[in-house]
Amino acid sequence: EAVVSIQRAHSHIGDPPILRLTLKDVDGAVISQMNAWSPLWVFTND
């Protein structure tokens, strides 16, 4: 799913270099890039 939400996006400052999100405009120009956590990286506790 992809939706517009009435909330501010949180900062990605400090996110580790696991995934790189690249946002582009309609002409293919890069608007911004940011690191992000991967949903595959999880903490377990046994």
PDB file of all heavy atoms in Angstrom:
ATOM      1  N   GLU A   1       0.847  -1.187   0.000  1.00  0.00           N
ATOM      2  CA  GLU A   1       0.000   0.000   0.000  1.00  0.00           C
ATOM      3  C   GLU A   1       0.884   1.239   0.000  1.00  0.00           C
ATOM      4  O   GLU A   1       1.976   1.249   0.564  1.00  0.00           O
ATOM      5  CB  GLU A   1      -0.913   0.006   1.229  1.00  0.00           C
ATOM      6  CG  GLU A   1      -1.903   1.135   1.270  1.00  0.00           C
ATOM      7  CD  GLU A   1      -2.763   1.099   2.535  1.00  0.00           C
ATOM      8  OE1 GLU A   1      -2.223   0.727   3.594  1.00  0.00           O
ATOM      9  OE2 GLU A   1      -3.946   1.451   2.456  1.00  0.00           O
ATOM     10  N   ALA A   2       0.403   2.290  -0.654  1.00  0.00           N
ATOM     11  CA  ALA A   2       1.057   3.589  -0.615  1.00  0.00           C
ATOM     12  C   ALA A   2      -0.026   4.642  -0.505  1.00  0.00           C
ATOM     13  O   ALA A   2      -0.911   4.714  -1.360  1.00  0.00           O
ATOM     14  CB  ALA A   2       1.908   3.817  -1.862  1.00  0.00           C
ATOM     15  N   VAL A   3       0.013   5.435   0.551  1.00  0.00           N
ATOM     16  CA  VAL A   3      -1.021   6.437   0.804  1.00  0.00           C
ATOM     17  C   VAL A   3      -0.378   7.713   1.320  1.00  0.00           C
ATOM     18  O   VAL A   3       0.731   7.703   1.863  1.00  0.00           O
ATOM     19  CB  VAL A   3      -2.068   5.946   1.829  1.00  0.00           C
ATOM     20  CG1 VAL A   3      -2.839   4.745   1.296  1.00  0.00           C
ATOM     21  CG2 VAL A   3      -1.407   5.616   3.159  1.00  0.00           C
ATOM     22  N   VAL A   4      -1.107   8.817   1.137  1.00  0.00           N
ATOM     23  CA  VAL A   4      -0.704  10.085   1.750  1.00  0.00           C
ATOM     24  C   VAL A   4      -1.344  10.158   3.122  1.00  0.00           C
ATOM     25  O   VAL A   4      -2.547   9.918   3.279  1.00  0.00           O
ATOM     26  CB  VAL A   4      -1.140  11.275   0.881  1.00  0.00           C
ATOM     27  CG1 VAL A   4      -0.822  12.595   1.582  1.00  0.00           C
ATOM     28  CG2 VAL A   4      -0.452  11.224  -0.475  1.00  0.00           C
ATOM     29  N   SER A   5      -0.534  10.498   4.113  1.00  0.00           N
ATOM     30  CA  SER A   5      -0.998  10.556   5.498  1.00  0.00           C
ATOM     31  C   SER A   5      -0.863  11.980   6.027  1.00  0.00           C
ATOM     32  O   SER A   5       0.110  12.677   5.707  1.00  0.00           O
ATOM     33  CB  SER A   5      -0.174   9.602   6.367  1.00  0.00           C
ATOM     34  OG  SER A   5      -0.515   9.732   7.726  1.00  0.00           O
ATOM     35  N   ILE A   6      -1.857  12.401   6.795  1.00  0.00           N
ATOM     36  CA  ILE A   6      -1.805  13.734   7.406  1.00  0.00           C
ATOM     37  C   ILE A   6      -0.961  13.646   8.667  1.00  0.00           C
ATOM     38  O   ILE A   6      -1.446  13.668   9.800  1.00  0.00           O
ATOM     39  CB  ILE A   6      -3.222  14.256   7.716  1.00  0.00           C
ATOM     40  CG1 ILE A   6      -4.062  14.218   6.462  1.00  0.00           C
ATOM     41  CG2 ILE A   6      -3.149  15.694   8.250  1.00  0.00           C
ATOM     42  CD1 ILE A   6      -3.529  15.079   5.326  1.00  0.00           C
ATOM     43  N   GLN A   7       0.305  13.487   8.482  1.00  0.00           N
ATOM     44  CA  GLN A   7       1.268  13.506   9.578  1.00  0.00           C
ATOM     45  C   GLN A   7       2.619  13.846   8.995  1.00  0.00           C
ATOM     46  O   GLN A   7       2.876  13.642   7.813  1.00  0.00           O
ATOM     47  CB  GLN A   7       1.333  12.131  10.258  1.00  0.00           C
ATOM     48  CG  GLN A   7       1.837  11.022   9.351  1.00  0.00           C
ATOM     49  CD  GLN A   7       2.011   9.709  10.076  1.00  0.00           C
ATOM     50  OE1 GLN A   7       1.916   9.650  11.286  1.00  0.00           O
ATOM     51  NE2 GLN A   7       2.279   8.651   9.325  1.00  0.00           N
ATOM     52  N   ARG A   8       3.459  14.388   9.818  1.00  0.00           N
ATOM     53  CA  ARG A   8       4.790  14.734   9.341  1.00  0.00           C
ATOM     54  C   ARG A   8       5.659  13.487   9.316  1.00  0.00           C
ATOM     55  O   ARG A   8       5.584  12.638  10.204  1.00  0.00           O
ATOM     56  CB  ARG A   8       5.423  15.806  10.226  1.00  0.00           C
ATOM     57  CG  ARG A   8       4.723  17.140  10.101  1.00  0.00           C
ATOM     58  CD  ARG A   8       5.511  18.252  10.759  1.00  0.00           C
ATOM     59  NE  ARG A   8       4.817  19.511  10.557  1.00  0.00           N
ATOM     60  CZ  ARG A   8       4.911  20.248   9.458  1.00  0.00           C
ATOM     61  NH1 ARG A   8       5.676  19.830   8.471  1.00  0.00           N
ATOM     62  NH2 ARG A   8       4.238  21.370   9.339  1.00  0.00           N
ATOM     63  N   ALA A   9       6.490  13.412   8.276  1.00  0.00           N
ATOM     64  CA  ALA A   9       7.440  12.303   8.203  1.00  0.00           C
ATOM     65  C   ALA A   9       8.527  12.507   9.245  1.00  0.00           C
ATOM     66  O   ALA A   9       9.038  13.616   9.419  1.00  0.00           O
ATOM     67  CB  ALA A   9       8.052  12.249   6.810  1.00  0.00           C
ATOM     68  N   HIS A  10       8.870  11.425   9.951  1.00  0.00           N
ATOM     69  CA  HIS A  10       9.928  11.541  10.950  1.00  0.00           C
ATOM     70  C   HIS A  10      11.282  11.676  10.264  1.00  0.00           C
ATOM     71  O   HIS A  10      11.458  11.348   9.086  1.00  0.00           O
ATOM     72  CB  HIS A  10       9.924  10.329  11.886  1.00  0.00           C
ATOM     73  CG  HIS A  10      10.090   9.006  11.187  1.00  0.00           C
ATOM     74  ND1 HIS A  10      11.233   8.635  10.536  1.00  0.00           N
ATOM     75  CD2 HIS A  10       9.234   7.962  11.047  1.00  0.00           C
ATOM     76  CE1 HIS A  10      11.104   7.427  10.019  1.00  0.00           C
ATOM     77  NE2 HIS A  10       9.883   6.994  10.311  1.00  0.00           N
ATOM     78  N   SER A  11      12.242  12.152  11.018  1.00  0.00           N
ATOM     79  CA  SER A  11      13.585  12.315  10.477  1.00  0.00           C
ATOM     80  C   SER A  11      14.261  10.949  10.305  1.00  0.00           C
ATOM     81  O   SER A  11      14.044  10.025  11.085  1.00  0.00           O
ATOM     82  CB  SER A  11      14.427  13.179  11.423  1.00  0.00           C
ATOM     83  OG  SER A  11      15.784  13.143  11.042  1.00  0.00           O
ATOM     84  N   HIS A  12      15.069  10.838   9.257  1.00  0.00           N
ATOM     85  CA  HIS A  12      15.868   9.633   9.045  1.00  0.00           C
ATOM     86  C   HIS A  12      17.319   9.846   9.461  1.00  0.00           C
ATOM     87  O   HIS A  12      18.164   9.007   9.177  1.00  0.00           O
ATOM     88  CB  HIS A  12      15.793   9.214   7.577  1.00  0.00           C
ATOM     89  CG  HIS A  12      14.473   8.608   7.198  1.00  0.00           C
ATOM     90  ND1 HIS A  12      14.230   7.257   7.233  1.00  0.00           N
ATOM     91  CD2 HIS A  12      13.304   9.182   6.808  1.00  0.00           C
ATOM     92  CE1 HIS A  12      12.983   7.016   6.854  1.00  0.00           C
ATOM     93  NE2 HIS A  12      12.406   8.175   6.591  1.00  0.00           N
ATOM     94  N   ILE A  13      17.566  10.995  10.107  1.00  0.00           N
ATOM     95  CA  ILE A  13      18.921  11.246  10.599  1.00  0.00           C
ATOM     96  C   ILE A  13      19.274  10.189  11.639  1.00  0.00           C
ATOM     97  O   ILE A  13      18.513   9.948  12.576  1.00  0.00           O
ATOM     98  CB  ILE A  13      19.020  12.655  11.206  1.00  0.00           C
ATOM     99  CG1 ILE A  13      18.756  13.708  10.136  1.00  0.00           C
ATOM    100  CG2 ILE A  13      20.388  12.875  11.841  1.00  0.00           C
ATOM    101  CD1 ILE A  13      18.693  15.114  10.669  1.00  0.00           C
ATOM    102  N   GLY A  14      20.403   9.586  11.486  1.00  0.00           N
ATOM    103  CA  GLY A  14      20.832   8.559  12.430  1.00  0.00           C
ATOM    104  C   GLY A  14      20.472   7.154  12.011  1.00  0.00           C
ATOM    105  O   GLY A  14      20.944   6.188  12.613  1.00  0.00           O
ATOM    106  N   ASP A  15      19.623   7.000  10.973  1.00  0.00           N
ATOM    107  CA  ASP A  15      19.313   5.646  10.502  1.00  0.00           C
ATOM    108  C   ASP A  15      20.570   5.024   9.894  1.00  0.00           C
ATOM    109  O   ASP A  15      21.295   5.692   9.136  1.00  0.00           O
ATOM    110  CB  ASP A  15      18.206   5.678   9.460  1.00  0.00           C
ATOM    111  CG  ASP A  15      16.825   5.795  10.092  1.00  0.00           C
ATOM    112  OD1 ASP A  15      16.757   6.016  11.312  1.00  0.00           O
ATOM    113  OD2 ASP A  15      15.828   5.683   9.361  1.00  0.00           O
ATOM    114  N   PRO A  16      20.825   3.773  10.157  1.00  0.00           N
ATOM    115  CA  PRO A  16      22.050   3.134   9.641  1.00  0.00           C
ATOM    116  C   PRO A  16      21.939   2.859   8.148  1.00  0.00           C
ATOM    117  O   PRO A  16      20.839   2.765   7.603  1.00  0.00           O
ATOM    118  CB  PRO A  16      22.117   1.827  10.436  1.00  0.00           C
ATOM    119  CG  PRO A  16      20.687   1.520  10.763  1.00  0.00           C
ATOM    120  CD  PRO A  16      20.026   2.846  10.994  1.00  0.00           C
ATOM    121  N   PRO A  17      23.055   2.728   7.467  1.00  0.00           N
ATOM    122  CA  PRO A  17      23.047   2.494   6.013  1.00  0.00           C
ATOM    123  C   PRO A  17      22.707   1.050   5.656  1.00  0.00           C
ATOM    124  O   PRO A  17      23.548   0.285   5.197  1.00  0.00           O
ATOM    125  CB  PRO A  17      24.466   2.872   5.598  1.00  0.00           C
ATOM    126  CG  PRO A  17      25.295   2.561   6.801  1.00  0.00           C
ATOM    127  CD  PRO A  17      24.433   2.880   7.987  1.00  0.00           C
ATOM    128  N   ILE A  18      21.434   0.686   5.888  1.00  0.00           N
ATOM    129  CA  ILE A  18      20.962  -0.651   5.525  1.00  0.00           C
ATOM    130  C   ILE A  18      20.231  -0.570   4.188  1.00  0.00           C
ATOM    131  O   ILE A  18      20.584  -1.248   3.221  1.00  0.00           O
ATOM    132  CB  ILE A  18      20.044  -1.230   6.618  1.00  0.00           C
ATOM    133  CG1 ILE A  18      20.774  -1.266   7.970  1.00  0.00           C
ATOM    134  CG2 ILE A  18      19.560  -2.621   6.224  1.00  0.00           C
ATOM    135  CD1 ILE A  18      19.884  -1.657   9.125  1.00  0.00           C
ATOM    136  N   LEU A  19      19.216   0.277   4.143  1.00  0.00           N
ATOM    137  CA  LEU A  19      18.505   0.557   2.904  1.00  0.00           C
ATOM    138  C   LEU A  19      18.693   2.024   2.546  1.00  0.00           C
ATOM    139  O   LEU A  19      18.828   2.874   3.420  1.00  0.00           O
ATOM    140  CB  LEU A  19      17.011   0.247   3.044  1.00  0.00           C
ATOM    141  CG  LEU A  19      16.625  -1.203   3.350  1.00  0.00           C
ATOM    142  CD1 LEU A  19      15.115  -1.309   3.512  1.00  0.00           C
ATOM    143  CD2 LEU A  19      17.113  -2.151   2.252  1.00  0.00           C
ATOM    144  N   ARG A  20      18.692   2.302   1.251  1.00  0.00           N
ATOM    145  CA  ARG A  20      18.765   3.679   0.775  1.00  0.00           C
ATOM    146  C   ARG A  20      17.469   3.991   0.034  1.00  0.00           C
ATOM    147  O   ARG A  20      17.104   3.299  -0.914  1.00  0.00           O
ATOM    148  CB  ARG A  20      19.960   3.850  -0.167  1.00  0.00           C
ATOM    149  CG  ARG A  20      20.040   5.207  -0.879  1.00  0.00           C
ATOM    150  CD  ARG A  20      20.310   6.361   0.087  1.00  0.00           C
ATOM    151  NE  ARG A  20      21.484   6.113   0.886  1.00  0.00           N
ATOM    152  CZ  ARG A  20      22.741   6.336   0.470  1.00  0.00           C
ATOM    153  NH1 ARG A  20      22.970   6.769  -0.747  1.00  0.00           N
ATOM    154  NH2 ARG A  20      23.757   6.114   1.276  1.00  0.00           N
ATOM    155  N   LEU A  21      16.759   5.021   0.506  1.00  0.00           N
ATOM    156  CA  LEU A  21      15.540   5.483  -0.140  1.00  0.00           C
ATOM    157  C   LEU A  21      15.889   6.665  -1.037  1.00  0.00           C
ATOM    158  O   LEU A  21      16.459   7.651  -0.566  1.00  0.00           O
ATOM    159  CB  LEU A  21      14.493   5.901   0.889  1.00  0.00           C
ATOM    160  CG  LEU A  21      14.156   4.892   1.994  1.00  0.00           C
ATOM    161  CD1 LEU A  21      13.054   5.438   2.892  1.00  0.00           C
ATOM    162  CD2 LEU A  21      13.741   3.552   1.396  1.00  0.00           C
ATOM    163  N   THR A  22      15.549   6.567  -2.320  1.00  0.00           N
ATOM    164  CA  THR A  22      15.796   7.657  -3.261  1.00  0.00           C
ATOM    165  C   THR A  22      14.466   8.136  -3.796  1.00  0.00           C
ATOM    166  O   THR A  22      13.705   7.373  -4.397  1.00  0.00           O
ATOM    167  CB  THR A  22      16.690   7.195  -4.420  1.00  0.00           C
ATOM    168  OG1 THR A  22      17.948   6.732  -3.899  1.00  0.00           O
ATOM    169  CG2 THR A  22      16.947   8.332  -5.388  1.00  0.00           C
ATOM    170  N   LEU A  23      14.173   9.421  -3.571  1.00  0.00           N
ATOM    171  CA  LEU A  23      12.933  10.029  -4.029  1.00  0.00           C
ATOM    172  C   LEU A  23      13.233  10.870  -5.265  1.00  0.00           C
ATOM    173  O   LEU A  23      14.120  11.728  -5.238  1.00  0.00           O
ATOM    174  CB  LEU A  23      12.322  10.900  -2.928  1.00  0.00           C
ATOM    175  CG  LEU A  23      12.067  10.206  -1.582  1.00  0.00           C
ATOM    176  CD1 LEU A  23      11.502  11.191  -0.578  1.00  0.00           C
ATOM    177  CD2 LEU A  23      11.139   9.016  -1.757  1.00  0.00           C
ATOM    178  N   LYS A  24      12.487  10.624  -6.360  1.00  0.00           N
ATOM    179  CA  LYS A  24      12.706  11.342  -7.616  1.00  0.00           C
ATOM    180  C   LYS A  24      11.433  12.049  -8.060  1.00  0.00           C
ATOM    181  O   LYS A  24      10.315  11.628  -7.725  1.00  0.00           O
ATOM    182  CB  LYS A  24      13.158  10.376  -8.713  1.00  0.00           C
ATOM    183  CG  LYS A  24      14.527   9.757  -8.466  1.00  0.00           C
ATOM    184  CD  LYS A  24      14.942   8.879  -9.642  1.00  0.00           C
ATOM    185  CE  LYS A  24      16.325   8.272  -9.423  1.00  0.00           C
ATOM    186  NZ  LYS A  24      16.738   7.428 -10.569  1.00  0.00           N
ATOM    187  N   ASP A  25      11.619  13.131  -8.835  1.00  0.00           N
ATOM    188  CA  ASP A  25      10.471  13.850  -9.373  1.00  0.00           C
ATOM    189  C   ASP A  25      10.080  13.291 -10.735  1.00  0.00           C
ATOM    190  O   ASP A  25      10.658  12.299 -11.203  1.00  0.00           O
ATOM    191  CB  ASP A  25      10.756  15.357  -9.438  1.00  0.00           C
ATOM    192  CG  ASP A  25      11.857  15.711 -10.435  1.00  0.00           C
ATOM    193  OD1 ASP A  25      12.229  14.849 -11.260  1.00  0.00           O
ATOM    194  OD2 ASP A  25      12.336  16.858 -10.401  1.00  0.00           O
ATOM    195  N   VAL A  26       9.113  13.930 -11.376  1.00  0.00           N
ATOM    196  CA  VAL A  26       8.565  13.400 -12.631  1.00  0.00           C
ATOM    197  C   VAL A  26       9.582  13.433 -13.771  1.00  0.00           C
ATOM    198  O   VAL A  26       9.423  12.726 -14.769  1.00  0.00           O
ATOM    199  CB  VAL A  26       7.307  14.181 -13.034  1.00  0.00           C
ATOM    200  CG1 VAL A  26       6.176  13.904 -12.074  1.00  0.00           C
ATOM    201  CG2 VAL A  26       7.590  15.683 -13.124  1.00  0.00           C
ATOM    202  N   ASP A  27      10.627  14.239 -13.646  1.00  0.00           N
ATOM    203  CA  ASP A  27      11.674  14.293 -14.664  1.00  0.00           C
ATOM    204  C   ASP A  27      12.834  13.353 -14.362  1.00  0.00           C
ATOM    205  O   ASP A  27      13.828  13.340 -15.085  1.00  0.00           O
ATOM    206  CB  ASP A  27      12.202  15.724 -14.818  1.00  0.00           C
ATOM    207  CG  ASP A  27      11.152  16.655 -15.391  1.00  0.00           C
ATOM    208  OD1 ASP A  27      10.455  16.231 -16.329  1.00  0.00           O
ATOM    209  OD2 ASP A  27      11.029  17.794 -14.904  1.00  0.00           O
ATOM    210  N   GLY A  28      12.707  12.590 -13.272  1.00  0.00           N
ATOM    211  CA  GLY A  28      13.763  11.652 -12.913  1.00  0.00           C
ATOM    212  C   GLY A  28      14.868  12.260 -12.090  1.00  0.00           C
ATOM    213  O   GLY A  28      15.864  11.588 -11.788  1.00  0.00           O
ATOM    214  N   ALA A  29      14.724  13.530 -11.705  1.00  0.00           N
ATOM    215  CA  ALA A  29      15.739  14.178 -10.870  1.00  0.00           C
ATOM    216  C   ALA A  29      15.558  13.763  -9.418  1.00  0.00           C
ATOM    217  O   ALA A  29      14.431  13.601  -8.934  1.00  0.00           O
ATOM    218  CB  ALA A  29      15.657  15.692 -11.004  1.00  0.00           C
ATOM    219  N   VAL A  30      16.673  13.587  -8.714  1.00  0.00           N
ATOM    220  CA  VAL A  30      16.632  13.168  -7.314  1.00  0.00           C
ATOM    221  C   VAL A  30      16.223  14.347  -6.439  1.00  0.00           C
ATOM    222  O   VAL A  30      16.851  15.410  -6.478  1.00  0.00           O
ATOM    223  CB  VAL A  30      17.995  12.618  -6.872  1.00  0.00           C
ATOM    224  CG1 VAL A  30      17.981  12.294  -5.379  1.00  0.00           C
ATOM    225  CG2 VAL A  30      18.351  11.374  -7.682  1.00  0.00           C
ATOM    226  N   ILE A  31      15.151  14.163  -5.674  1.00  0.00           N
ATOM    227  CA  ILE A  31      14.717  15.176  -4.713  1.00  0.00           C
ATOM    228  C   ILE A  31      15.467  15.012  -3.403  1.00  0.00           C
ATOM    229  O   ILE A  31      15.980  15.975  -2.835  1.00  0.00           O
ATOM    230  CB  ILE A  31      13.193  15.087  -4.473  1.00  0.00           C
ATOM    231  CG1 ILE A  31      12.441  15.434  -5.758  1.00  0.00           C
ATOM    232  CG2 ILE A  31      12.762  15.994  -3.340  1.00  0.00           C
ATOM    233  CD1 ILE A  31      10.932  15.333  -5.632  1.00  0.00           C
ATOM    234  N   SER A  32      15.558  13.785  -2.933  1.00  0.00           N
ATOM    235  CA  SER A  32      16.283  13.534  -1.687  1.00  0.00           C
ATOM    236  C   SER A  32      16.626  12.055  -1.588  1.00  0.00           C
ATOM    237  O   SER A  32      16.018  11.211  -2.255  1.00  0.00           O
ATOM    238  CB  SER A  32      15.451  13.962  -0.467  1.00  0.00           C
ATOM    239  OG  SER A  32      14.245  13.212  -0.398  1.00  0.00           O
ATOM    240  N   GLN A  33      17.617  11.773  -0.747  1.00  0.00           N
ATOM    241  CA  GLN A  33      18.011  10.409  -0.436  1.00  0.00           C
ATOM    242  C   GLN A  33      18.179  10.289   1.067  1.00  0.00           C
ATOM    243  O   GLN A  33      18.582  11.249   1.747  1.00  0.00           O
ATOM    244  CB  GLN A  33      19.322  10.033  -1.130  1.00  0.00           C
ATOM    245  CG  GLN A  33      19.200   9.821  -2.638  1.00  0.00           C
ATOM    246  CD  GLN A  33      20.506   9.354  -3.253  1.00  0.00           C
ATOM    247  OE1 GLN A  33      21.570   9.876  -2.962  1.00  0.00           O
ATOM    248  NE2 GLN A  33      20.423   8.349  -4.119  1.00  0.00           N
ATOM    249  N   MET A  34      17.887   9.119   1.594  1.00  0.00           N
ATOM    250  CA  MET A  34      17.993   8.906   3.038  1.00  0.00           C
ATOM    251  C   MET A  34      18.197   7.424   3.315  1.00  0.00           C
ATOM    252  O   MET A  34      17.808   6.562   2.521  1.00  0.00           O
ATOM    253  CB  MET A  34      16.729   9.419   3.741  1.00  0.00           C
ATOM    254  CG  MET A  34      15.457   8.714   3.294  1.00  0.00           C
ATOM    255  SD  MET A  34      13.945   9.646   3.657  1.00  0.00           S
ATOM    256  CE  MET A  34      14.048  10.941   2.421  1.00  0.00           C
ATOM    257  N   ASN A  35      18.856   7.160   4.427  1.00  0.00           N
ATOM    258  CA  ASN A  35      19.004   5.776   4.878  1.00  0.00           C
ATOM    259  C   ASN A  35      17.746   5.341   5.619  1.00  0.00           C
ATOM    260  O   ASN A  35      16.991   6.173   6.138  1.00  0.00           O
ATOM    261  CB  ASN A  35      20.217   5.639   5.792  1.00  0.00           C
ATOM    262  CG  ASN A  35      21.518   5.879   5.048  1.00  0.00           C
ATOM    263  OD1 ASN A  35      21.591   5.706   3.844  1.00  0.00           O
ATOM    264  ND2 ASN A  35      22.555   6.281   5.770  1.00  0.00           N
ATOM    265  N   ALA A  36      17.548   4.046   5.703  1.00  0.00           N
ATOM    266  CA  ALA A  36      16.375   3.527   6.402  1.00  0.00           C
ATOM    267  C   ALA A  36      16.675   2.140   6.935  1.00  0.00           C
ATOM    268  O   ALA A  36      17.522   1.409   6.404  1.00  0.00           O
ATOM    269  CB  ALA A  36      15.168   3.479   5.466  1.00  0.00           C
ATOM    270  N   TRP A  37      15.971   1.796   7.999  1.00  0.00           N
ATOM    271  CA  TRP A  37      16.046   0.443   8.533  1.00  0.00           C
ATOM    272  C   TRP A  37      15.323  -0.518   7.605  1.00  0.00           C
ATOM    273  O   TRP A  37      14.388  -0.152   6.912  1.00  0.00           O
ATOM    274  CB  TRP A  37      15.393   0.388   9.922  1.00  0.00           C
ATOM    275  CG  TRP A  37      16.330   0.786  11.015  1.00  0.00           C
ATOM    276  CD1 TRP A  37      16.630   2.039  11.416  1.00  0.00           C
ATOM    277  CD2 TRP A  37      17.088  -0.094  11.822  1.00  0.00           C
ATOM    278  NE1 TRP A  37      17.539   2.008  12.429  1.00  0.00           N
ATOM    279  CE2 TRP A  37      17.849   0.713  12.713  1.00  0.00           C
ATOM    280  CE3 TRP A  37      17.228  -1.485  11.891  1.00  0.00           C
ATOM    281  CZ2 TRP A  37      18.711   0.175  13.644  1.00  0.00           C
ATOM    282  CZ3 TRP A  37      18.084  -2.015  12.830  1.00  0.00           C
ATOM    283  CH2 TRP A  37      18.822  -1.189  13.693  1.00  0.00           C
ATOM    284  N   SER A  38      15.739  -1.749   7.614  1.00  0.00           N
ATOM    285  CA  SER A  38      15.063  -2.788   6.861  1.00  0.00           C
ATOM    286  C   SER A  38      14.126  -3.559   7.780  1.00  0.00           C
ATOM    287  O   SER A  38      14.500  -3.884   8.918  1.00  0.00           O
ATOM    288  CB  SER A  38      16.075  -3.761   6.252  1.00  0.00           C
ATOM    289  OG  SER A  38      15.417  -4.902   5.722  1.00  0.00           O
ATOM    290  N   PRO A  39      12.898  -3.875   7.305  1.00  0.00           N
ATOM    291  CA  PRO A  39      11.993  -4.687   8.117  1.00  0.00           C
ATOM    292  C   PRO A  39      12.552  -6.082   8.401  1.00  0.00           C
ATOM    293  O   PRO A  39      12.045  -6.774   9.295  1.00  0.00           O
ATOM    294  CB  PRO A  39      10.728  -4.776   7.261  1.00  0.00           C
ATOM    295  CG  PRO A  39      10.812  -3.628   6.318  1.00  0.00           C
ATOM    296  CD  PRO A  39      12.260  -3.431   6.054  1.00  0.00           C
ATOM    297  N   LEU A  40      13.579  -6.486   7.668  1.00  0.00           N
ATOM    298  CA  LEU A  40      14.170  -7.800   7.904  1.00  0.00           C
ATOM    299  C   LEU A  40      15.116  -7.798   9.097  1.00  0.00           C
ATOM    300  O   LEU A  40      15.489  -8.858   9.586  1.00  0.00           O
ATOM    301  CB  LEU A  40      14.914  -8.266   6.641  1.00  0.00           C
ATOM    302  CG  LEU A  40      14.091  -8.351   5.360  1.00  0.00           C
ATOM    303  CD1 LEU A  40      14.943  -8.867   4.213  1.00  0.00           C
ATOM    304  CD2 LEU A  40      12.870  -9.239   5.545  1.00  0.00           C
ATOM    305  N   TRP A  41      15.525  -6.616   9.546  1.00  0.00           N
ATOM    306  CA  TRP A  41      16.409  -6.517  10.709  1.00  0.00           C
ATOM    307  C   TRP A  41      15.538  -6.359  11.955  1.00  0.00           C
ATOM    308  O   TRP A  41      14.880  -5.330  12.137  1.00  0.00           O
ATOM    309  CB  TRP A  41      17.337  -5.312  10.580  1.00  0.00           C
ATOM    310  CG  TRP A  41      18.401  -5.465   9.517  1.00  0.00           C
ATOM    311  CD1 TRP A  41      18.232  -5.846   8.233  1.00  0.00           C
ATOM    312  CD2 TRP A  41      19.794  -5.216   9.697  1.00  0.00           C
ATOM    313  NE1 TRP A  41      19.426  -5.863   7.576  1.00  0.00           N
ATOM    314  CE2 TRP A  41      20.421  -5.479   8.444  1.00  0.00           C
ATOM    315  CE3 TRP A  41      20.588  -4.811  10.771  1.00  0.00           C
ATOM    316  CZ2 TRP A  41      21.778  -5.344   8.249  1.00  0.00           C
ATOM    317  CZ3 TRP A  41      21.956  -4.660  10.580  1.00  0.00           C
ATOM    318  CH2 TRP A  41      22.544  -4.935   9.332  1.00  0.00           C
ATOM    319  N   VAL A  42      15.510  -7.370  12.803  1.00  0.00           N
ATOM    320  CA  VAL A  42      14.654  -7.348  13.995  1.00  0.00           C
ATOM    321  C   VAL A  42      15.462  -7.787  15.220  1.00  0.00           C
ATOM    322  O   VAL A  42      16.461  -8.510  15.108  1.00  0.00           O
ATOM    323  CB  VAL A  42      13.437  -8.285  13.826  1.00  0.00           C
ATOM    324  CG1 VAL A  42      12.553  -7.822  12.692  1.00  0.00           C
ATOM    325  CG2 VAL A  42      13.879  -9.719  13.585  1.00  0.00           C
ATOM    326  N   PHE A  43      15.011  -7.303  16.378  1.00  0.00           N
ATOM    327  CA  PHE A  43      15.597  -7.735  17.648  1.00  0.00           C
ATOM    328  C   PHE A  43      14.820  -8.936  18.171  1.00  0.00           C
ATOM    329  O   PHE A  43      13.593  -8.954  18.129  1.00  0.00           O
ATOM    330  CB  PHE A  43      15.547  -6.596  18.676  1.00  0.00           C
ATOM    331  CG  PHE A  43      16.565  -5.527  18.443  1.00  0.00           C
ATOM    332  CD1 PHE A  43      16.211  -4.332  17.834  1.00  0.00           C
ATOM    333  CD2 PHE A  43      17.889  -5.713  18.826  1.00  0.00           C
ATOM    334  CE1 PHE A  43      17.141  -3.343  17.615  1.00  0.00           C
ATOM    335  CE2 PHE A  43      18.825  -4.728  18.622  1.00  0.00           C
ATOM    336  CZ  PHE A  43      18.462  -3.531  18.009  1.00  0.00           C
ATOM    337  N   THR A  44      15.541  -9.941  18.605  1.00  0.00           N
ATOM    338  CA  THR A  44      14.916 -11.111  19.235  1.00  0.00           C
ATOM    339  C   THR A  44      15.469 -11.251  20.648  1.00  0.00           C
ATOM    340  O   THR A  44      16.556 -10.751  20.961  1.00  0.00           O
ATOM    341  CB  THR A  44      15.205 -12.395  18.442  1.00  0.00           C
ATOM    342  OG1 THR A  44      16.621 -12.613  18.386  1.00  0.00           O
ATOM    343  CG2 THR A  44      14.646 -12.286  17.026  1.00  0.00           C
ATOM    344  N   ASN A  45      14.716 -11.944  21.478  1.00  0.00           N
ATOM    345  CA  ASN A  45      15.136 -12.099  22.866  1.00  0.00           C
ATOM    346  C   ASN A  45      14.729 -13.489  23.339  1.00  0.00           C
ATOM    347  O   ASN A  45      13.557 -13.776  23.539  1.00  0.00           O
ATOM    348  CB  ASN A  45      14.477 -11.031  23.748  1.00  0.00           C
ATOM    349  CG  ASN A  45      15.119 -10.975  25.124  1.00  0.00           C
ATOM    350  OD1 ASN A  45      15.663 -11.972  25.623  1.00  0.00           O
ATOM    351  ND2 ASN A  45      15.047  -9.813  25.764  1.00  0.00           N
ATOM    352  N   ASP A  46      15.725 -14.363  23.398  1.00  0.00           N
ATOM    353  CA  ASP A  46      15.485 -15.703  23.938  1.00  0.00           C
ATOM    354  C   ASP A  46      16.388 -15.927  25.145  1.00  0.00           C
ATOM    355  O   ASP A  46      17.035 -16.945  25.285  1.00  0.00           O
ATOM    356  CB  ASP A  46      15.729 -16.774  22.873  1.00  0.00           C
ATOM    357  CG  ASP A  46      17.119 -16.655  22.254  1.00  0.00           C
ATOM    358  OD1 ASP A  46      17.852 -15.708  22.633  1.00  0.00           O
ATOM    359  OD2 ASP A  46      17.469 -17.504  21.415  1.00  0.00           O
TER     360      ASP A  46
END
